[in-house]
Amino acid sequence: MTQSLGTGLGSTNERLSTVHDVAMLDLDGVVYRGPDAVPGAAEALATAQGHGLRLAYITNNASRTAQQVADKLAGMGMPHVGADDVVTSAQAVAHLMADALPAGSAVLVIGGEGLRASLEERGLRCVGRLKDSPVAVVQGFHPDIGWHELSEAAYAIQSGLPWYASNTDLTVPTARGIAPGNGSLVQAVRNATGAEPIVAGKPERALFDETVARVGGTNPLMVGDRLDTDIEGAIAAGVVSLAVLTGVSSLQEIVDAGPGHRPTYVSADLHGLDEVHAEVKIASGTARCGSAEVTHDGTGISIVHGDAGATATLRAVVALAWDLSDRSDTSVRLDGTLLP
């Protein structure tokens, strides 16, 4: 088995589900999209869990409590999931704040029930107005946040209070498409104040540390759909990563990722957890992985043998593209058959 963090593809002689003891699973774009499960996700997770992989469901979305997230996952048929298997950025930011603030401190909360419950679990008191004498401001996603809440946060920050954010994802995938995320709302407050928040969620490492503390594991695997949060965060935390193509980041974006910003593994979806990620061999502009073969004809990478969505084919494509771009320092385009 070989692994790399951020530079090139790793490979295994065994299934990922037997190489790693816990999978840190991002939710939006990996396990579900809005109200709907990603097709095949429950089956893939049940299979991986059956081979001994512990599942930790982690999310940068701070709007729901861990129990609410667990209930949603259970309702989608995800295997053996309870609140103890869920870790949220709300829990991570509450931990950061509890470590920094006196017990029982009032904090101005811009967010939903998930954020409030996590803060109260850590012994902090939630308020909604600056006149209630908070000692800090914390901001997390909720779809009902509007101008008045963002303005209250801005006034509090301008008064000198420290500012925390659960996460800074600019977008969030939904059943209807890509929508503004907490990072877009944080940016509005940043524009008004010029301040920078202390962030707990991916790509910062607090959420990874919170997951290990709550769920355990000595050889974790981060599974995500976003290069800018899931994969960057895993690299920063020293965690091996698997990028899946069911959410935000496309295959072209993965191909375009430079050294230091690359996932360790790539697969079309969560079925990649229970697969062997075989070594890719490259020679004369051609890459082979198992029975898959792809080539670069001078204009783009195309398939010679293999299915476009198969893990072996994807590995060959990504490895060849990274090899070519590292040697020429130029972006490598993909044949249309490899793009959705």
C-alpha atoms as a PDB file:
ATOM      1  CA  MET A   1       0.000   0.000   0.000  1.00  0.00           C
ATOM      2  CA  THR A   2       1.169   3.516  -0.804  1.00  0.00           C
ATOM      3  CA  GLN A   3      -0.364   6.775   0.358  1.00  0.00           C
ATOM      4  CA  SER A   4       0.361  10.425  -0.290  1.00  0.00           C
ATOM      5  CA  LEU A   5      -1.097  13.587   1.126  1.00  0.00           C
ATOM      6  CA  GLY A   6      -1.833  16.189  -1.492  1.00  0.00           C
ATOM      7  CA  THR A   7       0.737  15.247  -4.119  1.00  0.00           C
ATOM      8  CA  GLY A   8      -0.275  12.121  -6.052  1.00  0.00           C
ATOM      9  CA  LEU A   9      -2.577   9.116  -6.001  1.00  0.00           C
ATOM     10  CA  GLY A  10      -2.131   6.490  -3.336  1.00  0.00           C
ATOM     11  CA  SER A  11      -2.693   2.816  -4.048  1.00  0.00           C
ATOM     12  CA  THR A  12      -3.767  -0.234  -2.059  1.00  0.00           C
ATOM     13  CA  ASN A  13      -3.640  -3.987  -2.355  1.00  0.00           C
ATOM     14  CA  GLU A  14      -6.748  -4.269  -0.183  1.00  0.00           C
ATOM     15  CA  ARG A  15     -10.143  -2.601   0.003  1.00  0.00           C
ATOM     16  CA  LEU A  16     -10.087   0.854   1.606  1.00  0.00           C
ATOM     17  CA  SER A  17     -12.675  -0.465   4.071  1.00  0.00           C
ATOM     18  CA  THR A  18     -10.097  -2.890   5.458  1.00  0.00           C
ATOM     19  CA  VAL A  19      -7.102  -0.532   5.265  1.00  0.00           C
ATOM     20  CA  HIS A  20      -8.740   2.181   7.408  1.00  0.00           C
ATOM     21  CA  ASP A  21     -10.574   1.840  10.730  1.00  0.00           C
ATOM     22  CA  VAL A  22     -12.893   4.851  10.416  1.00  0.00           C
ATOM     23  CA  ALA A  23     -14.319   6.837   7.500  1.00  0.00           C
ATOM     24  CA  MET A  24     -15.033  10.522   8.130  1.00  0.00           C
ATOM     25  CA  LEU A  25     -17.957  10.985   5.761  1.00  0.00           C
ATOM     26  CA  ASP A  26     -18.941  14.419   4.587  1.00  0.00           C
ATOM     27  CA  LEU A  27     -22.724  14.570   4.128  1.00  0.00           C
ATOM     28  CA  ASP A  28     -23.902  17.163   1.600  1.00  0.00           C
ATOM     29  CA  GLY A  29     -22.850  15.897  -1.822  1.00  0.00           C
ATOM     30  CA  VAL A  30     -21.460  12.600  -0.506  1.00  0.00           C
ATOM     31  CA  VAL A  31     -24.194  10.784   1.441  1.00  0.00           C
ATOM     32  CA  TYR A  32     -27.140  12.939   0.399  1.00  0.00           C
ATOM     33  CA  ARG A  33     -28.117  15.952  -1.688  1.00  0.00           C
ATOM     34  CA  GLY A  34     -30.673  18.058   0.154  1.00  0.00           C
ATOM     35  CA  PRO A  35     -33.573  15.750   1.095  1.00  0.00           C
ATOM     36  CA  ASP A  36     -32.467  12.845  -1.101  1.00  0.00           C
ATOM     37  CA  ALA A  37     -29.855  10.158  -0.536  1.00  0.00           C
ATOM     38  CA  VAL A  38     -27.139   9.859  -3.152  1.00  0.00           C
ATOM     39  CA  PRO A  39     -28.109   6.798  -5.208  1.00  0.00           C
ATOM     40  CA  GLY A  40     -26.392   3.683  -3.883  1.00  0.00           C
ATOM     41  CA  ALA A  41     -24.935   5.427  -0.814  1.00  0.00           C
ATOM     42  CA  ALA A  42     -26.740   3.327   1.809  1.00  0.00           C
ATOM     43  CA  GLU A  43     -25.782   0.080   0.089  1.00  0.00           C
ATOM     44  CA  ALA A  44     -22.151   1.129  -0.271  1.00  0.00           C
ATOM     45  CA  LEU A  45     -21.865   2.203   3.368  1.00  0.00           C
ATOM     46  CA  ALA A  46     -23.508  -0.980   4.646  1.00  0.00           C
ATOM     47  CA  THR A  47     -21.038  -3.063   2.646  1.00  0.00           C
ATOM     48  CA  ALA A  48     -18.023  -1.093   3.898  1.00  0.00           C
ATOM     49  CA  GLN A  49     -19.276  -1.239   7.476  1.00  0.00           C
ATOM     50  CA  GLY A  50     -19.758  -4.985   7.103  1.00  0.00           C
ATOM     51  CA  HIS A  51     -16.053  -5.265   6.355  1.00  0.00           C
ATOM     52  CA  GLY A  52     -15.184  -3.528   9.620  1.00  0.00           C
ATOM     53  CA  LEU A  53     -15.091   0.181   8.691  1.00  0.00           C
ATOM     54  CA  ARG A  54     -16.451   2.501  11.390  1.00  0.00           C
ATOM     55  CA  LEU A  55     -18.599   5.291   9.920  1.00  0.00           C
ATOM     56  CA  ALA A  56     -18.441   8.846  11.268  1.00  0.00           C
ATOM     57  CA  TYR A  57     -20.840  11.255   9.596  1.00  0.00           C
ATOM     58  CA  ILE A  58     -19.325  14.735   9.711  1.00  0.00           C
ATOM     59  CA  THR A  59     -20.757  17.943   8.370  1.00  0.00           C
ATOM     60  CA  ASN A  60     -19.859  21.606   8.084  1.00  0.00           C
ATOM     61  CA  ASN A  61     -23.586  22.406   8.171  1.00  0.00           C
ATOM     62  CA  ALA A  62     -24.340  23.678  11.684  1.00  0.00           C
ATOM     63  CA  SER A  63     -28.099  24.096  11.306  1.00  0.00           C
ATOM     64  CA  ARG A  64     -29.168  20.709  12.739  1.00  0.00           C
ATOM     65  CA  THR A  65     -28.378  18.862  15.954  1.00  0.00           C
ATOM     66  CA  ALA A  66     -26.464  15.597  15.803  1.00  0.00           C
ATOM     67  CA  GLN A  67     -29.666  13.722  16.636  1.00  0.00           C
ATOM     68  CA  GLN A  68     -31.578  15.458  13.846  1.00  0.00           C
ATOM     69  CA  VAL A  69     -28.826  14.551  11.393  1.00  0.00           C
ATOM     70  CA  ALA A  70     -28.846  10.955  12.638  1.00  0.00           C
ATOM     71  CA  ASP A  71     -32.617  10.774  12.237  1.00  0.00           C
ATOM     72  CA  LYS A  72     -32.357  12.079   8.680  1.00  0.00           C
ATOM     73  CA  LEU A  73     -29.661   9.549   7.830  1.00  0.00           C
ATOM     74  CA  ALA A  74     -31.594   6.693   9.392  1.00  0.00           C
ATOM     75  CA  GLY A  75     -34.680   7.736   7.431  1.00  0.00           C
ATOM     76  CA  MET A  76     -32.620   7.446   4.251  1.00  0.00           C
ATOM     77  CA  GLY A  77     -31.619   3.902   5.124  1.00  0.00           C
ATOM     78  CA  MET A  78     -28.031   4.619   6.141  1.00  0.00           C
ATOM     79  CA  PRO A  79     -26.663   1.761   8.247  1.00  0.00           C
ATOM     80  CA  HIS A  80     -26.719   1.662  12.059  1.00  0.00           C
ATOM     81  CA  VAL A  81     -26.506   5.419  12.615  1.00  0.00           C
ATOM     82  CA  GLY A  82     -27.071   7.220  15.913  1.00  0.00           C
ATOM     83  CA  ALA A  83     -26.259  10.649  17.318  1.00  0.00           C
ATOM     84  CA  ASP A  84     -22.868   9.392  18.563  1.00  0.00           C
ATOM     85  CA  ASP A  85     -21.896   8.670  14.940  1.00  0.00           C
ATOM     86  CA  VAL A  86     -22.516  12.285  13.860  1.00  0.00           C
ATOM     87  CA  VAL A  87     -20.078  15.178  14.333  1.00  0.00           C
ATOM     88  CA  THR A  88     -21.033  18.705  13.266  1.00  0.00           C
ATOM     89  CA  SER A  89     -19.130  21.939  12.858  1.00  0.00           C
ATOM     90  CA  ALA A  90     -21.490  23.349  15.487  1.00  0.00           C
ATOM     91  CA  GLN A  91     -20.047  20.890  18.005  1.00  0.00           C
ATOM     92  CA  ALA A  92     -16.517  21.754  16.930  1.00  0.00           C
ATOM     93  CA  VAL A  93     -16.981  25.514  17.206  1.00  0.00           C
ATOM     94  CA  ALA A  94     -18.773  25.128  20.557  1.00  0.00           C
ATOM     95  CA  HIS A  95     -15.752  23.184  21.822  1.00  0.00           C
ATOM     96  CA  LEU A  96     -13.394  25.938  20.663  1.00  0.00           C
ATOM     97  CA  MET A  97     -15.493  28.611  22.341  1.00  0.00           C
ATOM     98  CA  ALA A  98     -15.923  26.693  25.590  1.00  0.00           C
ATOM     99  CA  ASP A  99     -12.139  26.324  25.796  1.00  0.00           C
ATOM    100  CA  ALA A 100     -11.657  30.071  25.262  1.00  0.00           C
ATOM    101  CA  LEU A 101     -14.532  31.619  27.258  1.00  0.00           C
ATOM    102  CA  PRO A 102     -15.542  31.489  30.941  1.00  0.00           C
ATOM    103  CA  ALA A 103     -18.170  28.885  31.795  1.00  0.00           C
ATOM    104  CA  GLY A 104     -21.709  30.226  31.475  1.00  0.00           C
ATOM    105  CA  SER A 105     -20.714  33.082  29.156  1.00  0.00           C
ATOM    106  CA  ALA A 106     -23.379  34.654  26.963  1.00  0.00           C
ATOM    107  CA  VAL A 107     -22.697  34.384  23.231  1.00  0.00           C
ATOM    108  CA  LEU A 108     -24.532  36.074  20.376  1.00  0.00           C
ATOM    109  CA  VAL A 109     -25.745  33.259  18.115  1.00  0.00           C
ATOM    110  CA  ILE A 110     -26.414  33.759  14.425  1.00  0.00           C
ATOM    111  CA  GLY A 111     -27.640  30.325  13.394  1.00  0.00           C
ATOM    112  CA  GLY A 112     -30.102  27.532  14.092  1.00  0.00           C
ATOM    113  CA  GLU A 113     -30.960  24.900  16.662  1.00  0.00           C
ATOM    114  CA  GLY A 114     -27.916  22.772  15.915  1.00  0.00           C
ATOM    115  CA  LEU A 115     -25.577  25.596  16.876  1.00  0.00           C
ATOM    116  CA  ARG A 116     -27.553  26.585  19.970  1.00  0.00           C
ATOM    117  CA  ALA A 117     -27.783  23.006  21.260  1.00  0.00           C
ATOM    118  CA  SER A 118     -24.036  22.478  20.837  1.00  0.00           C
ATOM    119  CA  LEU A 119     -23.207  25.691  22.686  1.00  0.00           C
ATOM    120  CA  GLU A 120     -25.554  24.825  25.542  1.00  0.00           C
ATOM    121  CA  GLU A 121     -24.021  21.340  25.730  1.00  0.00           C
ATOM    122  CA  ARG A 122     -20.699  23.073  26.413  1.00  0.00           C
ATOM    123  CA  GLY A 123     -22.178  25.289  29.144  1.00  0.00           C
ATOM    124  CA  LEU A 124     -22.515  28.531  27.163  1.00  0.00           C
ATOM    125  CA  ARG A 125     -25.620  30.751  27.165  1.00  0.00           C
ATOM    126  CA  CYS A 126     -27.182  31.743  23.839  1.00  0.00           C
ATOM    127  CA  VAL A 127     -28.527  35.251  23.220  1.00  0.00           C
ATOM    128  CA  GLY A 128     -29.820  36.976  20.116  1.00  0.00           C
ATOM    129  CA  ARG A 129     -29.040  40.657  20.708  1.00  0.00           C
ATOM    130  CA  LEU A 130     -25.995  42.775  21.455  1.00  0.00           C
ATOM    131  CA  LYS A 131     -27.846  44.468  24.339  1.00  0.00           C
ATOM    132  CA  ASP A 132     -27.921  41.079  26.126  1.00  0.00           C
ATOM    133  CA  SER A 133     -24.185  41.552  26.870  1.00  0.00           C
ATOM    134  CA  PRO A 134     -22.580  38.664  24.950  1.00  0.00           C
ATOM    135  CA  VAL A 135     -18.829  38.155  25.205  1.00  0.00           C
ATOM    136  CA  ALA A 136     -18.459  36.632  21.728  1.00  0.00           C
ATOM    137  CA  VAL A 137     -20.275  36.165  18.404  1.00  0.00           C
ATOM    138  CA  VAL A 138     -20.745  32.848  16.619  1.00  0.00           C
ATOM    139  CA  GLN A 139     -22.153  32.359  13.141  1.00  0.00           C
ATOM    140  CA  GLY A 140     -23.470  29.145  11.598  1.00  0.00           C
ATOM    141  CA  PHE A 141     -25.709  28.309   8.663  1.00  0.00           C
ATOM    142  CA  HIS A 142     -29.490  28.416   8.828  1.00  0.00           C
ATOM    143  CA  PRO A 143     -31.751  29.039   5.821  1.00  0.00           C
ATOM    144  CA  ASP A 144     -33.782  31.690   7.671  1.00  0.00           C
ATOM    145  CA  ILE A 145     -30.862  34.009   8.487  1.00  0.00           C
ATOM    146  CA  GLY A 146     -31.493  37.473   7.082  1.00  0.00           C
ATOM    147  CA  TRP A 147     -30.256  41.044   7.125  1.00  0.00           C
ATOM    148  CA  HIS A 148     -31.266  41.787  10.706  1.00  0.00           C
ATOM    149  CA  GLU A 149     -29.286  38.829  12.099  1.00  0.00           C
ATOM    150  CA  LEU A 150     -26.231  39.595   9.976  1.00  0.00           C
ATOM    151  CA  SER A 151     -26.382  43.247  10.994  1.00  0.00           C
ATOM    152  CA  GLU A 152     -26.561  42.333  14.687  1.00  0.00           C
ATOM    153  CA  ALA A 153     -23.438  40.227  14.228  1.00  0.00           C
ATOM    154  CA  ALA A 154     -21.681  43.103  12.464  1.00  0.00           C
ATOM    155  CA  TYR A 155     -22.552  45.569  15.248  1.00  0.00           C
ATOM    156  CA  ALA A 156     -21.290  43.152  17.902  1.00  0.00           C
ATOM    157  CA  ILE A 157     -18.032  42.496  16.073  1.00  0.00           C
ATOM    158  CA  GLN A 158     -17.493  46.229  15.553  1.00  0.00           C
ATOM    159  CA  SER A 159     -17.882  46.653  19.317  1.00  0.00           C
ATOM    160  CA  GLY A 160     -14.796  44.475  19.764  1.00  0.00           C
ATOM    161  CA  LEU A 161     -16.240  41.011  20.444  1.00  0.00           C
ATOM    162  CA  PRO A 162     -14.386  37.944  19.143  1.00  0.00           C
ATOM    163  CA  TRP A 163     -16.077  36.318  16.147  1.00  0.00           C
ATOM    164  CA  TYR A 164     -16.368  32.581  15.545  1.00  0.00           C
ATOM    165  CA  ALA A 165     -17.801  30.745  12.534  1.00  0.00           C
ATOM    166  CA  SER A 166     -18.842  27.122  12.283  1.00  0.00           C
ATOM    167  CA  ASN A 167     -17.543  26.955   8.695  1.00  0.00           C
ATOM    168  CA  THR A 168     -16.916  29.032   5.597  1.00  0.00           C
ATOM    169  CA  ASP A 169     -18.305  26.907   2.743  1.00  0.00           C
ATOM    170  CA  LEU A 170     -19.328  29.445   0.112  1.00  0.00           C
ATOM    171  CA  THR A 171     -21.907  27.066  -1.357  1.00  0.00           C
ATOM    172  CA  VAL A 172     -24.044  24.098  -0.350  1.00  0.00           C
ATOM    173  CA  PRO A 173     -25.406  21.448  -2.746  1.00  0.00           C
ATOM    174  CA  THR A 174     -29.184  20.981  -2.674  1.00  0.00           C
ATOM    175  CA  ALA A 175     -31.680  18.888  -4.614  1.00  0.00           C
ATOM    176  CA  ARG A 176     -32.308  21.916  -6.861  1.00  0.00           C
ATOM    177  CA  GLY A 177     -28.675  22.849  -7.429  1.00  0.00           C
ATOM    178  CA  ILE A 178     -25.891  24.800  -5.729  1.00  0.00           C
ATOM    179  CA  ALA A 179     -27.033  27.413  -3.181  1.00  0.00           C
ATOM    180  CA  PRO A 180     -25.207  30.004  -1.014  1.00  0.00           C
ATOM    181  CA  GLY A 181     -23.593  28.458   2.060  1.00  0.00           C
ATOM    182  CA  ASN A 182     -22.482  29.815   5.423  1.00  0.00           C
ATOM    183  CA  GLY A 183     -19.298  31.186   3.915  1.00  0.00           C
ATOM    184  CA  SER A 184     -21.336  33.531   1.725  1.00  0.00           C
ATOM    185  CA  LEU A 185     -23.115  34.858   4.814  1.00  0.00           C
ATOM    186  CA  VAL A 186     -19.829  35.109   6.692  1.00  0.00           C
ATOM    187  CA  GLN A 187     -18.459  37.107   3.763  1.00  0.00           C
ATOM    188  CA  ALA A 188     -21.287  39.614   4.117  1.00  0.00           C
ATOM    189  CA  VAL A 189     -20.318  40.211   7.751  1.00  0.00           C
ATOM    190  CA  ARG A 190     -16.643  40.327   6.797  1.00  0.00           C
ATOM    191  CA  ASN A 191     -17.452  42.993   4.197  1.00  0.00           C
ATOM    192  CA  ALA A 192     -19.204  45.098   6.843  1.00  0.00           C
ATOM    193  CA  THR A 193     -16.578  44.740   9.567  1.00  0.00           C
ATOM    194  CA  GLY A 194     -13.220  43.960   7.980  1.00  0.00           C
ATOM    195  CA  ALA A 195     -12.802  41.292  10.670  1.00  0.00           C
ATOM    196  CA  GLU A 196     -11.809  37.646  10.289  1.00  0.00           C
ATOM    197  CA  PRO A 197     -13.573  34.858  12.186  1.00  0.00           C
ATOM    198  CA  ILE A 198     -12.060  31.931  14.052  1.00  0.00           C
ATOM    199  CA  VAL A 199     -13.293  28.962  12.000  1.00  0.00           C
ATOM    200  CA  ALA A 200     -13.957  25.426  13.251  1.00  0.00           C
ATOM    201  CA  GLY A 201     -15.208  23.553  10.185  1.00  0.00           C
ATOM    202  CA  LYS A 202     -13.299  22.131   7.253  1.00  0.00           C
ATOM    203  CA  PRO A 203     -10.749  22.982   5.980  1.00  0.00           C
ATOM    204  CA  GLU A 204      -9.665  23.950   9.521  1.00  0.00           C
ATOM    205  CA  ARG A 205      -8.649  20.983  11.645  1.00  0.00           C
ATOM    206  CA  ALA A 206     -10.989  21.525  14.625  1.00  0.00           C
ATOM    207  CA  LEU A 207     -13.724  19.368  13.070  1.00  0.00           C
ATOM    208  CA  PHE A 208     -11.246  16.551  12.397  1.00  0.00           C
ATOM    209  CA  ASP A 209      -9.991  16.713  15.980  1.00  0.00           C
ATOM    210  CA  GLU A 210     -13.572  16.741  17.286  1.00  0.00           C
ATOM    211  CA  THR A 211     -14.358  13.638  15.221  1.00  0.00           C
ATOM    212  CA  VAL A 212     -11.410  11.669  16.550  1.00  0.00           C
ATOM    213  CA  ALA A 213     -12.284  12.730  20.108  1.00  0.00           C
ATOM    214  CA  ARG A 214     -15.921  11.659  19.752  1.00  0.00           C
ATOM    215  CA  VAL A 215     -15.701   8.615  17.459  1.00  0.00           C
ATOM    216  CA  GLY A 216     -12.136   7.365  17.783  1.00  0.00           C
ATOM    217  CA  GLY A 217      -9.934   5.711  15.172  1.00  0.00           C
ATOM    218  CA  THR A 218      -6.201   5.548  14.575  1.00  0.00           C
ATOM    219  CA  ASN A 219      -6.130   5.405  10.756  1.00  0.00           C
ATOM    220  CA  PRO A 220      -8.981   7.602   9.500  1.00  0.00           C
ATOM    221  CA  LEU A 221     -10.031   8.230   5.914  1.00  0.00           C
ATOM    222  CA  MET A 222     -11.736  11.497   4.971  1.00  0.00           C
ATOM    223  CA  VAL A 223     -14.397  11.089   2.273  1.00  0.00           C
ATOM    224  CA  GLY A 224     -15.614  14.267   0.600  1.00  0.00           C
ATOM    225  CA  ASP A 225     -16.859  15.929  -2.562  1.00  0.00           C
ATOM    226  CA  ARG A 226     -15.158  19.309  -2.189  1.00  0.00           C
ATOM    227  CA  LEU A 227     -11.495  20.008  -2.806  1.00  0.00           C
ATOM    228  CA  ASP A 228     -11.627  23.361  -1.016  1.00  0.00           C
ATOM    229  CA  THR A 229     -12.957  22.035   2.307  1.00  0.00           C
ATOM    230  CA  ASP A 230     -12.945  18.237   2.580  1.00  0.00           C
ATOM    231  CA  ILE A 231      -9.674  17.521   0.797  1.00  0.00           C
ATOM    232  CA  GLU A 232      -7.798  20.657   1.874  1.00  0.00           C
ATOM    233  CA  GLY A 233      -8.879  20.005   5.451  1.00  0.00           C
ATOM    234  CA  ALA A 234      -7.765  16.395   5.327  1.00  0.00           C
ATOM    235  CA  ILE A 235      -4.347  17.398   3.993  1.00  0.00           C
ATOM    236  CA  ALA A 236      -3.952  20.038   6.716  1.00  0.00           C
ATOM    237  CA  ALA A 237      -4.931  17.510   9.389  1.00  0.00           C
ATOM    238  CA  GLY A 238      -2.618  14.811   8.016  1.00  0.00           C
ATOM    239  CA  VAL A 239      -5.521  12.545   7.047  1.00  0.00           C
ATOM    240  CA  VAL A 240      -5.732  10.363   3.916  1.00  0.00           C
ATOM    241  CA  SER A 241      -8.655  11.344   1.663  1.00  0.00           C
ATOM    242  CA  LEU A 242     -11.060   9.936  -0.921  1.00  0.00           C
ATOM    243  CA  ALA A 243     -12.726  12.377  -3.333  1.00  0.00           C
ATOM    244  CA  VAL A 244     -16.094  11.324  -4.786  1.00  0.00           C
ATOM    245  CA  LEU A 245     -17.840  12.883  -7.784  1.00  0.00           C
ATOM    246  CA  THR A 246     -21.389  13.093  -6.419  1.00  0.00           C
ATOM    247  CA  GLY A 247     -21.238  16.690  -5.195  1.00  0.00           C
ATOM    248  CA  VAL A 248     -19.465  19.968  -5.892  1.00  0.00           C
ATOM    249  CA  SER A 249     -15.981  19.286  -7.286  1.00  0.00           C
ATOM    250  CA  SER A 250     -15.900  17.800 -10.793  1.00  0.00           C
ATOM    251  CA  LEU A 251     -13.415  15.379 -12.310  1.00  0.00           C
ATOM    252  CA  GLN A 252     -11.914  18.288 -14.265  1.00  0.00           C
ATOM    253  CA  GLU A 253     -11.366  20.205 -11.017  1.00  0.00           C
ATOM    254  CA  ILE A 254      -9.641  17.188  -9.487  1.00  0.00           C
ATOM    255  CA  VAL A 255      -7.470  16.858 -12.591  1.00  0.00           C
ATOM    256  CA  ASP A 256      -6.616  20.565 -12.317  1.00  0.00           C
ATOM    257  CA  ALA A 257      -5.618  20.345  -8.630  1.00  0.00           C
ATOM    258  CA  GLY A 258      -1.972  21.192  -8.122  1.00  0.00           C
ATOM    259  CA  PRO A 259       0.584  19.456  -5.914  1.00  0.00           C
ATOM    260  CA  GLY A 260      -0.297  19.900  -2.256  1.00  0.00           C
ATOM    261  CA  HIS A 261      -4.028  20.103  -2.984  1.00  0.00           C
ATOM    262  CA  ARG A 262      -4.865  16.633  -4.278  1.00  0.00           C
ATOM    263  CA  PRO A 263      -6.922  13.775  -2.817  1.00  0.00           C
ATOM    264  CA  THR A 264      -5.199  10.484  -2.046  1.00  0.00           C
ATOM    265  CA  TYR A 265      -7.898   8.471  -3.824  1.00  0.00           C
ATOM    266  CA  VAL A 266     -10.754   9.161  -6.232  1.00  0.00           C
ATOM    267  CA  SER A 267     -13.929   7.264  -7.113  1.00  0.00           C
ATOM    268  CA  ALA A 268     -17.278   8.044  -8.679  1.00  0.00           C
ATOM    269  CA  ASP A 269     -19.183   7.491  -5.418  1.00  0.00           C
ATOM    270  CA  LEU A 270     -19.088   5.730  -2.059  1.00  0.00           C
ATOM    271  CA  HIS A 271     -18.673   2.306  -3.649  1.00  0.00           C
ATOM    272  CA  GLY A 272     -15.009   3.279  -3.840  1.00  0.00           C
ATOM    273  CA  LEU A 273     -14.775   2.567  -0.116  1.00  0.00           C
ATOM    274  CA  ASP A 274     -15.000  -1.162  -0.727  1.00  0.00           C
ATOM    275  CA  GLU A 275     -12.657  -1.335  -3.704  1.00  0.00           C
ATOM    276  CA  VAL A 276      -8.974  -1.983  -4.184  1.00  0.00           C
ATOM    277  CA  HIS A 277      -7.288   1.141  -5.582  1.00  0.00           C
ATOM    278  CA  ALA A 278      -4.680  -0.492  -7.784  1.00  0.00           C
ATOM    279  CA  GLU A 279      -1.407   1.097  -8.814  1.00  0.00           C
ATOM    280  CA  VAL A 280      -1.418   3.184 -12.011  1.00  0.00           C
ATOM    281  CA  LYS A 281       1.386   2.622 -14.504  1.00  0.00           C
ATOM    282  CA  ILE A 282       2.245   5.423 -16.922  1.00  0.00           C
ATOM    283  CA  ALA A 283       4.380   5.233 -20.064  1.00  0.00           C
ATOM    284  CA  SER A 284       4.522   7.249 -23.310  1.00  0.00           C
ATOM    285  CA  GLY A 285       1.375   9.290 -22.669  1.00  0.00           C
ATOM    286  CA  THR A 286      -0.692   6.255 -21.678  1.00  0.00           C
ATOM    287  CA  ALA A 287      -1.877   5.211 -18.217  1.00  0.00           C
ATOM    288  CA  ARG A 288      -3.084   1.751 -17.176  1.00  0.00           C
ATOM    289  CA  CYS A 289      -4.861   0.747 -13.990  1.00  0.00           C
ATOM    290  CA  GLY A 290      -6.010  -2.854 -13.919  1.00  0.00           C
ATOM    291  CA  SER A 291      -7.859  -3.399 -17.189  1.00  0.00           C
ATOM    292  CA  ALA A 292      -8.457   0.321 -17.733  1.00  0.00           C
ATOM    293  CA  GLU A 293      -6.328   2.259 -20.221  1.00  0.00           C
ATOM    294  CA  VAL A 294      -6.424   5.956 -21.082  1.00  0.00           C
ATOM    295  CA  THR A 295      -4.255   8.060 -23.354  1.00  0.00           C
ATOM    296  CA  HIS A 296      -3.392  11.665 -24.106  1.00  0.00           C
ATOM    297  CA  ASP A 297      -3.510  12.514 -27.812  1.00  0.00           C
ATOM    298  CA  GLY A 298      -2.051  15.995 -27.521  1.00  0.00           C
ATOM    299  CA  THR A 299      -5.378  17.752 -26.994  1.00  0.00           C
ATOM    300  CA  GLY A 300      -7.018  15.783 -24.188  1.00  0.00           C
ATOM    301  CA  ILE A 301      -7.266  12.522 -22.250  1.00  0.00           C
ATOM    302  CA  SER A 302      -9.596   9.857 -23.624  1.00  0.00           C
ATOM    303  CA  ILE A 303     -10.467   6.253 -22.784  1.00  0.00           C
ATOM    304  CA  VAL A 304      -8.930   3.375 -24.695  1.00  0.00           C
ATOM    305  CA  HIS A 305     -10.372   0.623 -22.493  1.00  0.00           C
ATOM    306  CA  GLY A 306     -12.672   0.841 -19.462  1.00  0.00           C
ATOM    307  CA  ASP A 307     -15.909   2.431 -18.299  1.00  0.00           C
ATOM    308  CA  ALA A 308     -15.905   6.179 -17.690  1.00  0.00           C
ATOM    309  CA  GLY A 309     -17.215   5.913 -14.123  1.00  0.00           C
ATOM    310  CA  ALA A 310     -15.170   2.920 -13.013  1.00  0.00           C
ATOM    311  CA  THR A 311     -12.625   3.560 -10.268  1.00  0.00           C
ATOM    312  CA  ALA A 312      -9.778   2.041 -12.282  1.00  0.00           C
ATOM    313  CA  THR A 313     -10.543   4.353 -15.221  1.00  0.00           C
ATOM    314  CA  LEU A 314     -10.820   7.422 -13.023  1.00  0.00           C
ATOM    315  CA  ARG A 315      -7.520   6.588 -11.357  1.00  0.00           C
ATOM    316  CA  ALA A 316      -5.814   6.228 -14.713  1.00  0.00           C
ATOM    317  CA  VAL A 317      -7.232   9.537 -15.913  1.00  0.00           C
ATOM    318  CA  VAL A 318      -6.252  11.459 -12.791  1.00  0.00           C
ATOM    319  CA  ALA A 319      -2.785   9.945 -12.519  1.00  0.00           C
ATOM    320  CA  LEU A 320      -2.010  10.646 -16.181  1.00  0.00           C
ATOM    321  CA  ALA A 321      -3.305  14.208 -15.966  1.00  0.00           C
ATOM    322  CA  TRP A 322      -1.263  14.956 -12.858  1.00  0.00           C
ATOM    323  CA  ASP A 323       1.844  13.435 -14.417  1.00  0.00           C
ATOM    324  CA  LEU A 324       1.450  15.542 -17.551  1.00  0.00           C
ATOM    325  CA  SER A 325       0.653  18.777 -15.702  1.00  0.00           C
ATOM    326  CA  ASP A 326       3.539  18.328 -13.250  1.00  0.00           C
ATOM    327  CA  ARG A 327       5.965  17.917 -16.144  1.00  0.00           C
ATOM    328  CA  SER A 328       4.591  20.737 -18.294  1.00  0.00           C
ATOM    329  CA  ASP A 329       2.964  23.022 -15.692  1.00  0.00           C
ATOM    330  CA  THR A 330      -0.149  23.303 -17.875  1.00  0.00           C
ATOM    331  CA  SER A 331      -3.749  22.237 -17.392  1.00  0.00           C
ATOM    332  CA  VAL A 332      -4.812  18.953 -19.020  1.00  0.00           C
ATOM    333  CA  ARG A 333      -8.259  18.820 -20.568  1.00  0.00           C
ATOM    334  CA  LEU A 334     -10.527  15.778 -20.594  1.00  0.00           C
ATOM    335  CA  ASP A 335     -12.341  14.179 -23.498  1.00  0.00           C
ATOM    336  CA  GLY A 336     -16.072  14.859 -23.426  1.00  0.00           C
ATOM    337  CA  THR A 337     -16.847  11.213 -22.627  1.00  0.00           C
ATOM    338  CA  LEU A 338     -15.217  11.702 -19.226  1.00  0.00           C
ATOM    339  CA  LEU A 339     -17.294  14.745 -18.272  1.00  0.00           C
ATOM    340  CA  PRO A 340     -20.895  14.722 -16.996  1.00  0.00           C
END
